[in-house]
């Protein structure tokens, strides 16, 4: 699953809902639902893994998510959600994000 996207890395977000895990992945799929404006005035529509995960679940089901990034060689690296994802997650009731840092170790962010 992790390296089939022809990119130099792969980002995945997951959470446990009930007795099973739900997954979201980064993609080049575009959706106006996830439009965000950048400082230079341009807009981005790419679906980040965190957004994909929440798209697949009911908002009330998720308060904690986990985000991990793999390089092409399988090494784990930085996966801290971007400012747009942080805002998106907070607006939808996510209160805690566990993510991998540059050293591949887990850190926790409270929203």
N, C-alpha and C. Protein backbone atom coordinates (compact mmCIF):
# COMPACT_ATOMS: atom_id res chain seq x y z
N UNK A 1 0.82 -1.19 0.00
CA UNK A 1 0.00 0.00 0.00
C UNK A 1 0.86 1.26 0.00
N UNK A 2 1.94 1.27 0.78
CA UNK A 2 2.66 2.51 1.03
C UNK A 2 3.37 3.08 -0.18
N UNK A 3 3.91 2.29 -1.06
CA UNK A 3 4.75 2.84 -2.11
C UNK A 3 4.18 2.73 -3.52
N UNK A 4 2.93 2.47 -3.65
CA UNK A 4 2.35 2.32 -4.97
C UNK A 4 1.86 3.61 -5.59
N UNK A 5 2.34 4.77 -5.12
CA UNK A 5 1.79 6.03 -5.61
C UNK A 5 2.74 6.80 -6.53
N UNK A 6 3.88 6.22 -6.91
CA UNK A 6 4.84 6.87 -7.80
C UNK A 6 5.33 8.23 -7.28
N UNK A 7 5.36 8.40 -5.98
CA UNK A 7 5.85 9.62 -5.33
C UNK A 7 7.09 9.27 -4.51
N UNK A 8 7.89 10.29 -4.11
CA UNK A 8 9.08 10.00 -3.30
C UNK A 8 8.74 9.63 -1.86
N UNK A 9 7.47 9.77 -1.48
CA UNK A 9 7.05 9.42 -0.13
C UNK A 9 5.57 9.03 -0.17
N UNK A 10 5.10 8.50 0.94
CA UNK A 10 3.69 8.16 1.07
C UNK A 10 3.25 8.52 2.48
N UNK A 11 2.13 9.19 2.59
CA UNK A 11 1.59 9.60 3.88
C UNK A 11 0.30 8.84 4.13
N UNK A 12 0.15 8.30 5.33
CA UNK A 12 -1.06 7.59 5.70
C UNK A 12 -1.54 8.07 7.06
N UNK A 13 -2.85 8.17 7.20
CA UNK A 13 -3.46 8.52 8.48
C UNK A 13 -4.39 7.38 8.86
N UNK A 14 -4.44 7.06 10.14
CA UNK A 14 -5.32 5.98 10.57
C UNK A 14 -5.85 6.23 11.96
N UNK A 15 -6.98 5.60 12.26
CA UNK A 15 -7.59 5.67 13.57
C UNK A 15 -8.38 4.40 13.81
N UNK A 16 -8.66 4.12 15.04
CA UNK A 16 -9.45 2.94 15.36
C UNK A 16 -10.88 3.40 15.64
N UNK A 17 -11.82 2.80 14.94
CA UNK A 17 -13.24 3.09 15.12
C UNK A 17 -13.92 1.78 15.45
N UNK A 18 -14.47 1.70 16.65
CA UNK A 18 -15.04 0.43 17.08
C UNK A 18 -13.93 -0.59 17.18
N UNK A 19 -14.08 -1.71 16.53
CA UNK A 19 -13.08 -2.76 16.58
C UNK A 19 -12.18 -2.82 15.36
N UNK A 20 -12.26 -1.83 14.47
CA UNK A 20 -11.44 -1.89 13.26
C UNK A 20 -10.73 -0.57 13.00
N UNK A 21 -9.71 -0.65 12.14
CA UNK A 21 -8.96 0.55 11.78
C UNK A 21 -9.51 1.14 10.49
N UNK A 22 -9.50 2.46 10.41
CA UNK A 22 -9.86 3.19 9.19
C UNK A 22 -8.61 3.90 8.71
N UNK A 23 -8.41 3.94 7.37
CA UNK A 23 -7.21 4.51 6.77
C UNK A 23 -7.55 5.65 5.82
N UNK A 24 -6.65 6.59 5.73
CA UNK A 24 -6.71 7.64 4.72
C UNK A 24 -5.32 7.76 4.12
N UNK A 25 -5.23 8.09 2.84
CA UNK A 25 -3.92 8.23 2.19
C UNK A 25 -3.88 9.52 1.38
N UNK A 26 -2.66 10.02 1.16
CA UNK A 26 -2.52 11.21 0.33
C UNK A 26 -2.74 10.83 -1.12
N UNK A 27 -3.27 11.78 -1.89
CA UNK A 27 -3.51 11.50 -3.30
C UNK A 27 -3.51 12.81 -4.07
N UNK A 28 -3.41 12.72 -5.36
CA UNK A 28 -3.50 13.90 -6.21
C UNK A 28 -4.94 14.18 -6.61
N UNK A 29 -5.85 13.40 -6.06
CA UNK A 29 -7.27 13.63 -6.34
C UNK A 29 -7.64 15.02 -5.84
N UNK A 30 -8.42 15.73 -6.60
CA UNK A 30 -8.78 17.09 -6.22
C UNK A 30 -10.23 17.14 -5.78
N UNK A 31 -10.49 17.99 -4.80
CA UNK A 31 -11.85 18.16 -4.30
C UNK A 31 -12.01 19.58 -3.81
N UNK A 32 -13.02 20.28 -4.30
CA UNK A 32 -13.25 21.65 -3.83
C UNK A 32 -13.63 21.67 -2.36
N UNK A 33 -14.08 20.54 -1.84
CA UNK A 33 -14.41 20.44 -0.42
C UNK A 33 -13.17 20.72 0.43
N UNK A 34 -11.99 20.42 -0.08
CA UNK A 34 -10.76 20.58 0.67
C UNK A 34 -9.90 21.73 0.14
N UNK A 35 -10.56 22.73 -0.43
CA UNK A 35 -9.85 23.90 -0.97
C UNK A 35 -9.17 24.66 0.16
N UNK A 36 -7.94 25.06 -0.09
CA UNK A 36 -7.22 25.90 0.87
C UNK A 36 -6.44 26.96 0.11
N UNK A 37 -6.36 28.13 0.72
CA UNK A 37 -5.70 29.26 0.09
C UNK A 37 -4.30 29.42 0.67
N UNK A 38 -3.32 29.58 -0.21
CA UNK A 38 -1.94 29.77 0.21
C UNK A 38 -1.60 31.25 0.31
N UNK A 39 -0.50 31.55 0.96
CA UNK A 39 -0.09 32.95 1.18
C UNK A 39 0.09 33.73 -0.11
N UNK A 40 0.48 33.05 -1.18
CA UNK A 40 0.70 33.75 -2.45
C UNK A 40 -0.61 34.00 -3.21
N UNK A 41 -1.75 33.60 -2.62
CA UNK A 41 -3.05 33.83 -3.25
C UNK A 41 -3.56 32.66 -4.07
N UNK A 42 -2.72 31.66 -4.30
CA UNK A 42 -3.16 30.50 -5.09
C UNK A 42 -3.95 29.55 -4.18
N UNK A 43 -4.64 28.61 -4.82
CA UNK A 43 -5.44 27.64 -4.10
C UNK A 43 -4.93 26.23 -4.35
N UNK A 44 -5.07 25.37 -3.36
CA UNK A 44 -4.73 23.96 -3.50
C UNK A 44 -5.96 23.13 -3.20
N UNK A 45 -6.09 22.03 -3.89
CA UNK A 45 -7.26 21.17 -3.72
C UNK A 45 -6.89 19.72 -3.44
N UNK A 46 -5.62 19.44 -3.24
CA UNK A 46 -5.19 18.06 -3.06
C UNK A 46 -5.69 17.48 -1.75
N UNK A 47 -6.01 16.22 -1.80
CA UNK A 47 -6.57 15.52 -0.66
C UNK A 47 -5.43 14.93 0.17
N UNK A 48 -5.19 15.50 1.35
CA UNK A 48 -4.17 14.97 2.24
C UNK A 48 -4.73 13.77 2.99
N UNK A 49 -3.85 12.94 3.51
CA UNK A 49 -4.25 11.70 4.18
C UNK A 49 -5.21 11.95 5.34
N UNK A 50 -4.95 13.01 6.10
CA UNK A 50 -5.81 13.31 7.24
C UNK A 50 -7.23 13.64 6.78
N UNK A 51 -7.32 14.41 5.69
CA UNK A 51 -8.62 14.77 5.15
C UNK A 51 -9.32 13.55 4.56
N UNK A 52 -8.57 12.69 3.90
CA UNK A 52 -9.14 11.47 3.33
C UNK A 52 -9.71 10.58 4.43
N UNK A 53 -8.98 10.47 5.54
CA UNK A 53 -9.45 9.66 6.67
C UNK A 53 -10.78 10.19 7.18
N UNK A 54 -10.87 11.49 7.40
CA UNK A 54 -12.12 12.05 7.93
C UNK A 54 -13.25 11.99 6.91
N UNK A 55 -12.91 12.01 5.64
CA UNK A 55 -13.92 11.87 4.59
C UNK A 55 -14.58 10.50 4.66
N UNK A 56 -13.84 9.51 5.14
CA UNK A 56 -14.32 8.13 5.20
C UNK A 56 -15.00 7.77 6.52
N UNK A 57 -15.06 8.69 7.46
CA UNK A 57 -15.65 8.40 8.78
C UNK A 57 -16.65 9.49 9.15
N UNK A 58 -17.50 9.18 10.11
CA UNK A 58 -18.39 10.21 10.66
C UNK A 58 -17.55 11.04 11.62
N UNK A 59 -17.78 12.33 11.62
CA UNK A 59 -16.96 13.23 12.44
C UNK A 59 -16.97 12.85 13.91
N UNK A 60 -18.10 12.42 14.42
CA UNK A 60 -18.20 12.11 15.84
C UNK A 60 -17.41 10.86 16.22
N UNK A 61 -16.97 10.06 15.24
CA UNK A 61 -16.26 8.82 15.52
C UNK A 61 -14.77 9.03 15.82
N UNK A 62 -14.23 10.18 15.45
CA UNK A 62 -12.77 10.35 15.49
C UNK A 62 -12.38 11.54 16.37
N UNK A 63 -11.62 11.26 17.42
CA UNK A 63 -11.06 12.35 18.24
C UNK A 63 -9.54 12.27 18.30
N UNK A 64 -8.97 11.11 17.91
CA UNK A 64 -7.53 10.91 17.89
C UNK A 64 -7.16 10.24 16.57
N UNK A 65 -6.14 10.77 15.89
CA UNK A 65 -5.65 10.11 14.67
C UNK A 65 -4.14 9.94 14.74
N UNK A 66 -3.63 9.08 13.88
CA UNK A 66 -2.21 8.79 13.78
C UNK A 66 -1.80 9.05 12.33
N UNK A 67 -0.65 9.72 12.15
CA UNK A 67 -0.19 10.05 10.80
C UNK A 67 1.27 9.60 10.68
N UNK A 68 1.56 8.87 9.61
CA UNK A 68 2.91 8.35 9.40
C UNK A 68 3.30 8.58 7.94
N UNK A 69 4.58 8.91 7.73
CA UNK A 69 5.09 9.13 6.36
C UNK A 69 6.26 8.19 6.12
N UNK A 70 6.23 7.54 4.96
CA UNK A 70 7.30 6.65 4.53
C UNK A 70 8.01 7.26 3.32
N UNK A 71 9.33 7.19 3.31
CA UNK A 71 10.09 7.52 2.10
C UNK A 71 10.03 6.32 1.16
N UNK A 72 10.48 6.52 -0.08
CA UNK A 72 10.48 5.43 -1.07
C UNK A 72 11.25 4.21 -0.58
N UNK A 73 12.32 4.45 0.20
CA UNK A 73 13.11 3.32 0.68
C UNK A 73 12.50 2.65 1.92
N UNK A 74 11.31 3.11 2.33
CA UNK A 74 10.62 2.51 3.47
C UNK A 74 10.94 3.17 4.80
N UNK A 75 11.90 4.10 4.82
CA UNK A 75 12.26 4.79 6.05
C UNK A 75 11.11 5.70 6.49
N UNK A 76 10.86 5.75 7.79
CA UNK A 76 9.80 6.60 8.35
C UNK A 76 10.37 7.99 8.59
N UNK A 77 9.60 9.02 8.25
CA UNK A 77 10.06 10.40 8.38
C UNK A 77 8.91 11.32 8.81
N UNK A 78 9.14 12.64 8.79
CA UNK A 78 8.22 13.65 9.29
C UNK A 78 6.83 13.55 8.67
N UNK A 79 5.81 13.54 9.54
CA UNK A 79 4.43 13.46 9.08
C UNK A 79 3.52 14.43 9.82
N UNK A 80 4.10 15.48 10.40
CA UNK A 80 3.28 16.46 11.12
C UNK A 80 2.28 17.08 10.16
N UNK A 81 1.00 17.10 10.53
CA UNK A 81 -0.01 17.68 9.64
C UNK A 81 0.29 19.16 9.33
N UNK A 82 0.02 19.55 8.09
CA UNK A 82 0.21 20.94 7.69
C UNK A 82 -0.80 21.83 8.40
N UNK A 83 -0.62 23.14 8.32
CA UNK A 83 -1.52 24.06 9.02
C UNK A 83 -2.95 23.93 8.52
N UNK A 84 -3.13 23.61 7.24
CA UNK A 84 -4.47 23.45 6.69
C UNK A 84 -5.15 22.22 7.28
N UNK A 85 -4.40 21.12 7.39
CA UNK A 85 -4.95 19.90 7.97
C UNK A 85 -5.22 20.09 9.46
N UNK A 86 -4.34 20.80 10.16
CA UNK A 86 -4.57 21.04 11.58
C UNK A 86 -5.89 21.76 11.80
N UNK A 87 -6.14 22.78 11.00
CA UNK A 87 -7.39 23.53 11.10
C UNK A 87 -8.58 22.63 10.77
N UNK A 88 -8.46 21.87 9.69
CA UNK A 88 -9.51 20.97 9.25
C UNK A 88 -9.84 19.94 10.33
N UNK A 89 -8.80 19.34 10.93
CA UNK A 89 -8.99 18.34 11.97
C UNK A 89 -9.68 18.93 13.20
N UNK A 90 -9.21 20.09 13.61
CA UNK A 90 -9.77 20.74 14.80
C UNK A 90 -11.24 21.08 14.59
N UNK A 91 -11.58 21.60 13.41
CA UNK A 91 -12.97 21.95 13.10
C UNK A 91 -13.88 20.73 13.13
N UNK A 92 -13.33 19.55 12.91
CA UNK A 92 -14.12 18.33 12.86
C UNK A 92 -14.01 17.49 14.13
N UNK A 93 -13.50 18.08 15.20
CA UNK A 93 -13.54 17.42 16.50
C UNK A 93 -12.35 16.58 16.87
N UNK A 94 -11.32 16.53 16.03
CA UNK A 94 -10.11 15.79 16.39
C UNK A 94 -9.35 16.62 17.42
N UNK A 95 -8.99 16.00 18.52
CA UNK A 95 -8.33 16.73 19.60
C UNK A 95 -6.85 16.35 19.77
N UNK A 96 -6.46 15.19 19.22
CA UNK A 96 -5.09 14.74 19.41
C UNK A 96 -4.60 14.06 18.13
N UNK A 97 -3.36 14.38 17.74
CA UNK A 97 -2.74 13.76 16.57
C UNK A 97 -1.39 13.19 16.98
N UNK A 98 -1.19 11.91 16.73
CA UNK A 98 0.11 11.28 16.89
C UNK A 98 0.73 11.24 15.50
N UNK A 99 1.98 11.72 15.38
CA UNK A 99 2.64 11.74 14.07
C UNK A 99 4.11 11.40 14.22
N UNK A 100 4.71 10.96 13.13
CA UNK A 100 6.14 10.64 13.17
C UNK A 100 6.96 11.89 12.89
N UNK A 101 8.11 11.99 13.58
CA UNK A 101 9.01 13.14 13.38
C UNK A 101 10.12 12.76 12.39
N UNK A 102 11.10 13.67 12.21
CA UNK A 102 12.18 13.43 11.25
C UNK A 102 12.98 12.17 11.55
N UNK A 103 13.02 11.78 12.82
CA UNK A 103 13.77 10.59 13.23
C UNK A 103 12.93 9.31 13.20
N UNK A 104 11.67 9.44 12.76
CA UNK A 104 10.79 8.27 12.70
C UNK A 104 10.18 7.90 14.04
N UNK A 105 10.31 8.79 15.02
CA UNK A 105 9.73 8.55 16.34
C UNK A 105 8.38 9.26 16.42
N UNK A 106 7.50 8.74 17.27
CA UNK A 106 6.16 9.30 17.42
C UNK A 106 6.15 10.51 18.35
N UNK A 107 5.42 11.55 17.96
CA UNK A 107 5.18 12.73 18.79
C UNK A 107 3.68 12.94 18.84
N UNK A 108 3.24 13.76 19.80
CA UNK A 108 1.81 14.03 19.97
C UNK A 108 1.55 15.52 19.89
N UNK A 109 0.50 15.89 19.16
CA UNK A 109 0.05 17.26 19.04
C UNK A 109 -1.38 17.34 19.55
N UNK A 110 -1.65 18.29 20.42
CA UNK A 110 -3.02 18.54 20.87
C UNK A 110 -3.57 19.71 20.09
N UNK A 111 -4.78 19.54 19.59
CA UNK A 111 -5.42 20.60 18.80
C UNK A 111 -6.42 21.38 19.63
